[in-house]
Amino acid sequence: MANLFPTVALPDPEMQESKTQEVVFGRNVELDYAEEEFILSPTGRQYKLDETNSWVEWGVKALATPRYKHLIYSDNYGSEFHTLIGQSLSHEAAESEIRRMAKECLLADARTANVDNFKFEWIDDGVMFTCRIVNVRGESRNIGGKVVL
């Protein structure tokens, strides 16, 4: 007869360490978001970013991309800030939702370990925010975005 109360071993801490080593960071090219173009050298070549800055670039792009809008991206990619438009939320409620949505967006990537230290600046038609992202290597950077309400 099968055991009605099976036991499951706790994860081995050494296995957790090896998981972080398996995460592939990769490299990317640098983008100019204001011009919506790649940043080019004087000879016309694209600037390549190192692994950490490629991860940061991914985070900035993920926050700026509406989730579920583009078929090329998986359902785990992008943010849902556009759903806050017209909801007439209080500042506290809007900040709470932005924190939740930004964390959900950025933690979807295996390279991201933590998202915290949110700062908000309210402007005419919305709010600008910054947050600190920490990767599995312990490196951290500040990134941000703008949410129109």
C-alpha atoms as a PDB file:
ATOM      1  CA  MET A   1       0.000   0.000   0.000  1.00  0.00           C
ATOM      2  CA  ALA A   2       1.267   3.486  -0.861  1.00  0.00           C
ATOM      3  CA  ASN A   3       2.288   5.766   1.974  1.00  0.00           C
ATOM      4  CA  LEU A   4      -0.506   8.215   2.772  1.00  0.00           C
ATOM      5  CA  PHE A   5       1.966  10.681   4.302  1.00  0.00           C
ATOM      6  CA  PRO A   6       5.011  10.744   2.036  1.00  0.00           C
ATOM      7  CA  THR A   7       8.046  12.656   3.182  1.00  0.00           C
ATOM      8  CA  VAL A   8       9.944  15.026   0.943  1.00  0.00           C
ATOM      9  CA  ALA A   9      13.537  15.945   1.614  1.00  0.00           C
ATOM     10  CA  LEU A  10      14.367  19.635   2.003  1.00  0.00           C
ATOM     11  CA  PRO A  11      16.424  21.168  -0.801  1.00  0.00           C
ATOM     12  CA  ASP A  12      20.153  20.887  -0.372  1.00  0.00           C
ATOM     13  CA  PRO A  13      21.787  24.371   0.041  1.00  0.00           C
ATOM     14  CA  GLU A  14      24.650  23.256  -2.195  1.00  0.00           C
ATOM     15  CA  MET A  15      22.143  22.520  -4.964  1.00  0.00           C
ATOM     16  CA  GLN A  16      20.746  26.061  -4.598  1.00  0.00           C
ATOM     17  CA  GLU A  17      24.241  27.487  -5.130  1.00  0.00           C
ATOM     18  CA  SER A  18      24.722  25.443  -8.281  1.00  0.00           C
ATOM     19  CA  LYS A  19      21.402  26.769  -9.616  1.00  0.00           C
ATOM     20  CA  THR A  20      22.685  30.345  -9.516  1.00  0.00           C
ATOM     21  CA  GLN A  21      25.794  29.271 -11.395  1.00  0.00           C
ATOM     22  CA  GLU A  22      23.659  27.748 -14.156  1.00  0.00           C
ATOM     23  CA  VAL A  23      21.944  31.057 -14.974  1.00  0.00           C
ATOM     24  CA  VAL A  24      23.175  32.365 -18.321  1.00  0.00           C
ATOM     25  CA  PHE A  25      23.463  36.131 -18.589  1.00  0.00           C
ATOM     26  CA  GLY A  26      24.398  36.589 -22.259  1.00  0.00           C
ATOM     27  CA  ARG A  27      25.180  39.839 -24.039  1.00  0.00           C
ATOM     28  CA  ASN A  28      23.122  42.471 -25.768  1.00  0.00           C
ATOM     29  CA  VAL A  29      23.467  45.706 -27.729  1.00  0.00           C
ATOM     30  CA  GLU A  30      22.809  49.160 -26.289  1.00  0.00           C
ATOM     31  CA  LEU A  31      19.588  50.979 -27.174  1.00  0.00           C
ATOM     32  CA  ASP A  32      18.700  54.671 -27.180  1.00  0.00           C
ATOM     33  CA  TYR A  33      15.099  54.649 -25.940  1.00  0.00           C
ATOM     34  CA  ALA A  34      14.448  58.320 -26.757  1.00  0.00           C
ATOM     35  CA  GLU A  35      15.390  57.831 -30.416  1.00  0.00           C
ATOM     36  CA  GLU A  36      14.229  54.180 -30.531  1.00  0.00           C
ATOM     37  CA  GLU A  37      17.470  53.225 -32.253  1.00  0.00           C
ATOM     38  CA  PHE A  38      20.584  51.201 -31.527  1.00  0.00           C
ATOM     39  CA  ILE A  39      23.523  53.257 -30.285  1.00  0.00           C
ATOM     40  CA  LEU A  40      26.237  53.143 -32.923  1.00  0.00           C
ATOM     41  CA  SER A  41      29.955  53.834 -32.824  1.00  0.00           C
ATOM     42  CA  PRO A  42      31.428  56.452 -35.207  1.00  0.00           C
ATOM     43  CA  THR A  43      32.183  53.576 -37.600  1.00  0.00           C
ATOM     44  CA  GLY A  44      28.539  52.419 -37.556  1.00  0.00           C
ATOM     45  CA  ARG A  45      28.948  49.344 -35.347  1.00  0.00           C
ATOM     46  CA  GLN A  46      26.537  48.560 -32.512  1.00  0.00           C
ATOM     47  CA  TYR A  47      27.899  48.872 -28.980  1.00  0.00           C
ATOM     48  CA  LYS A  48      27.908  45.541 -27.157  1.00  0.00           C
ATOM     49  CA  LEU A  49      27.121  45.548 -23.441  1.00  0.00           C
ATOM     50  CA  ASP A  50      28.729  43.332 -20.821  1.00  0.00           C
ATOM     51  CA  GLU A  51      26.635  40.659 -19.087  1.00  0.00           C
ATOM     52  CA  THR A  52      25.477  42.803 -16.163  1.00  0.00           C
ATOM     53  CA  ASN A  53      24.545  45.811 -18.285  1.00  0.00           C
ATOM     54  CA  SER A  54      22.755  43.495 -20.723  1.00  0.00           C
ATOM     55  CA  TRP A  55      20.630  42.266 -17.822  1.00  0.00           C
ATOM     56  CA  VAL A  56      19.905  45.877 -16.796  1.00  0.00           C
ATOM     57  CA  GLU A  57      18.993  46.738 -20.391  1.00  0.00           C
ATOM     58  CA  TRP A  58      16.637  43.748 -20.404  1.00  0.00           C
ATOM     59  CA  GLY A  59      14.962  45.055 -17.231  1.00  0.00           C
ATOM     60  CA  VAL A  60      14.434  48.555 -18.628  1.00  0.00           C
ATOM     61  CA  LYS A  61      12.973  47.125 -21.834  1.00  0.00           C
ATOM     62  CA  ALA A  62      10.760  44.644 -19.955  1.00  0.00           C
ATOM     63  CA  LEU A  63       9.277  47.425 -17.803  1.00  0.00           C
ATOM     64  CA  ALA A  64       8.561  49.527 -20.907  1.00  0.00           C
ATOM     65  CA  THR A  65       6.911  46.704 -22.893  1.00  0.00           C
ATOM     66  CA  PRO A  66       3.183  46.088 -22.341  1.00  0.00           C
ATOM     67  CA  ARG A  67       2.509  42.482 -21.374  1.00  0.00           C
ATOM     68  CA  TYR A  68       0.411  40.317 -23.736  1.00  0.00           C
ATOM     69  CA  LYS A  69       0.516  42.972 -26.494  1.00  0.00           C
ATOM     70  CA  HIS A  70       3.214  41.523 -28.755  1.00  0.00           C
ATOM     71  CA  LEU A  71       3.014  37.914 -29.904  1.00  0.00           C
ATOM     72  CA  ILE A  72       6.802  37.670 -30.173  1.00  0.00           C
ATOM     73  CA  TYR A  73       7.133  37.778 -26.357  1.00  0.00           C
ATOM     74  CA  SER A  74       6.062  35.061 -23.927  1.00  0.00           C
ATOM     75  CA  ASP A  75       3.285  35.692 -21.411  1.00  0.00           C
ATOM     76  CA  ASN A  76       5.960  36.151 -18.729  1.00  0.00           C
ATOM     77  CA  TYR A  77       7.523  39.173 -20.458  1.00  0.00           C
ATOM     78  CA  GLY A  78       6.529  42.790 -19.978  1.00  0.00           C
ATOM     79  CA  SER A  79       4.600  44.875 -17.491  1.00  0.00           C
ATOM     80  CA  GLU A  80       0.921  45.586 -16.960  1.00  0.00           C
ATOM     81  CA  PHE A  81       1.194  49.273 -16.057  1.00  0.00           C
ATOM     82  CA  HIS A  82      -1.231  50.160 -18.871  1.00  0.00           C
ATOM     83  CA  THR A  83      -4.039  48.526 -16.846  1.00  0.00           C
ATOM     84  CA  LEU A  84      -3.767  51.351 -14.274  1.00  0.00           C
ATOM     85  CA  ILE A  85      -4.864  54.036 -16.747  1.00  0.00           C
ATOM     86  CA  GLY A  86      -8.147  55.639 -15.725  1.00  0.00           C
ATOM     87  CA  GLN A  87      -8.601  53.732 -12.475  1.00  0.00           C
ATOM     88  CA  SER A  88      -8.443  56.889 -10.304  1.00  0.00           C
ATOM     89  CA  LEU A  89      -6.373  55.165  -7.612  1.00  0.00           C
ATOM     90  CA  SER A  90      -5.014  57.056  -4.636  1.00  0.00           C
ATOM     91  CA  HIS A  91      -1.275  57.714  -4.660  1.00  0.00           C
ATOM     92  CA  GLU A  92      -0.696  54.981  -2.076  1.00  0.00           C
ATOM     93  CA  ALA A  93      -2.740  52.405  -3.997  1.00  0.00           C
ATOM     94  CA  ALA A  94      -1.080  53.284  -7.314  1.00  0.00           C
ATOM     95  CA  GLU A  95       2.396  53.022  -5.756  1.00  0.00           C
ATOM     96  CA  SER A  96       1.503  49.643  -4.265  1.00  0.00           C
ATOM     97  CA  GLU A  97       0.289  48.348  -7.644  1.00  0.00           C
ATOM     98  CA  ILE A  98       3.374  49.690  -9.429  1.00  0.00           C
ATOM     99  CA  ARG A  99       5.617  47.933  -6.873  1.00  0.00           C
ATOM    100  CA  ARG A 100       3.747  44.670  -7.370  1.00  0.00           C
ATOM    101  CA  MET A 101       3.726  44.861 -11.155  1.00  0.00           C
ATOM    102  CA  ALA A 102       7.383  45.877 -11.441  1.00  0.00           C
ATOM    103  CA  LYS A 103       8.465  43.044  -9.134  1.00  0.00           C
ATOM    104  CA  GLU A 104       6.364  40.534 -11.055  1.00  0.00           C
ATOM    105  CA  CYS A 105       7.852  41.739 -14.346  1.00  0.00           C
ATOM    106  CA  LEU A 106      11.495  41.750 -13.246  1.00  0.00           C
ATOM    107  CA  LEU A 107      11.472  38.593 -11.120  1.00  0.00           C
ATOM    108  CA  ALA A 108      10.182  36.594 -14.102  1.00  0.00           C
ATOM    109  CA  ASP A 109      13.811  36.407 -15.260  1.00  0.00           C
ATOM    110  CA  ALA A 110      16.071  33.853 -13.571  1.00  0.00           C
ATOM    111  CA  ARG A 111      18.910  36.405 -13.406  1.00  0.00           C
ATOM    112  CA  THR A 112      16.953  38.695 -11.049  1.00  0.00           C
ATOM    113  CA  ALA A 113      17.108  37.850  -7.343  1.00  0.00           C
ATOM    114  CA  ASN A 114      15.432  40.892  -5.766  1.00  0.00           C
ATOM    115  CA  VAL A 115      13.619  44.158  -6.550  1.00  0.00           C
ATOM    116  CA  ASP A 116      13.353  46.786  -3.814  1.00  0.00           C
ATOM    117  CA  ASN A 117      14.013  50.429  -2.751  1.00  0.00           C
ATOM    118  CA  PHE A 118      11.194  51.971  -4.772  1.00  0.00           C
ATOM    119  CA  LYS A 119      11.070  55.762  -5.033  1.00  0.00           C
ATOM    120  CA  PHE A 120       8.166  57.648  -6.624  1.00  0.00           C
ATOM    121  CA  GLU A 121       7.889  61.141  -8.097  1.00  0.00           C
ATOM    122  CA  TRP A 122       4.396  62.252  -9.029  1.00  0.00           C
ATOM    123  CA  ILE A 123       4.040  64.345 -12.182  1.00  0.00           C
ATOM    124  CA  ASP A 124       1.077  65.843 -14.050  1.00  0.00           C
ATOM    125  CA  ASP A 125      -0.206  62.769 -15.872  1.00  0.00           C
ATOM    126  CA  GLY A 126       1.278  59.973 -13.797  1.00  0.00           C
ATOM    127  CA  VAL A 127       4.252  58.905 -11.764  1.00  0.00           C
ATOM    128  CA  MET A 128       7.935  58.244 -12.397  1.00  0.00           C
ATOM    129  CA  PHE A 129       9.569  55.536 -10.323  1.00  0.00           C
ATOM    130  CA  THR A 130      12.973  54.048  -9.692  1.00  0.00           C
ATOM    131  CA  CYS A 131      13.870  50.792  -8.000  1.00  0.00           C
ATOM    132  CA  ARG A 132      16.940  48.740  -7.232  1.00  0.00           C
ATOM    133  CA  ILE A 133      17.353  45.374  -8.922  1.00  0.00           C
ATOM    134  CA  VAL A 134      19.767  42.738  -7.634  1.00  0.00           C
ATOM    135  CA  ASN A 135      20.906  39.792  -9.724  1.00  0.00           C
ATOM    136  CA  VAL A 136      21.837  36.297  -8.577  1.00  0.00           C
ATOM    137  CA  ARG A 137      25.512  37.325  -8.564  1.00  0.00           C
ATOM    138  CA  GLY A 138      24.768  40.025  -5.960  1.00  0.00           C
ATOM    139  CA  GLU A 139      25.265  42.945  -8.378  1.00  0.00           C
ATOM    140  CA  SER A 140      22.709  45.743  -8.144  1.00  0.00           C
ATOM    141  CA  ARG A 141      21.625  48.660 -10.318  1.00  0.00           C
ATOM    142  CA  ASN A 142      18.875  51.289 -10.225  1.00  0.00           C
ATOM    143  CA  ILE A 143      16.325  51.353 -13.031  1.00  0.00           C
ATOM    144  CA  GLY A 144      12.991  53.037 -13.474  1.00  0.00           C
ATOM    145  CA  GLY A 145      10.075  53.949 -15.631  1.00  0.00           C
ATOM    146  CA  LYS A 146       7.049  56.162 -16.075  1.00  0.00           C
ATOM    147  CA  VAL A 147       3.447  55.115 -15.535  1.00  0.00           C
ATOM    148  CA  VAL A 148       0.643  57.211 -16.995  1.00  0.00           C
ATOM    149  CA  LEU A 149      -2.446  57.247 -14.824  1.00  0.00           C
END
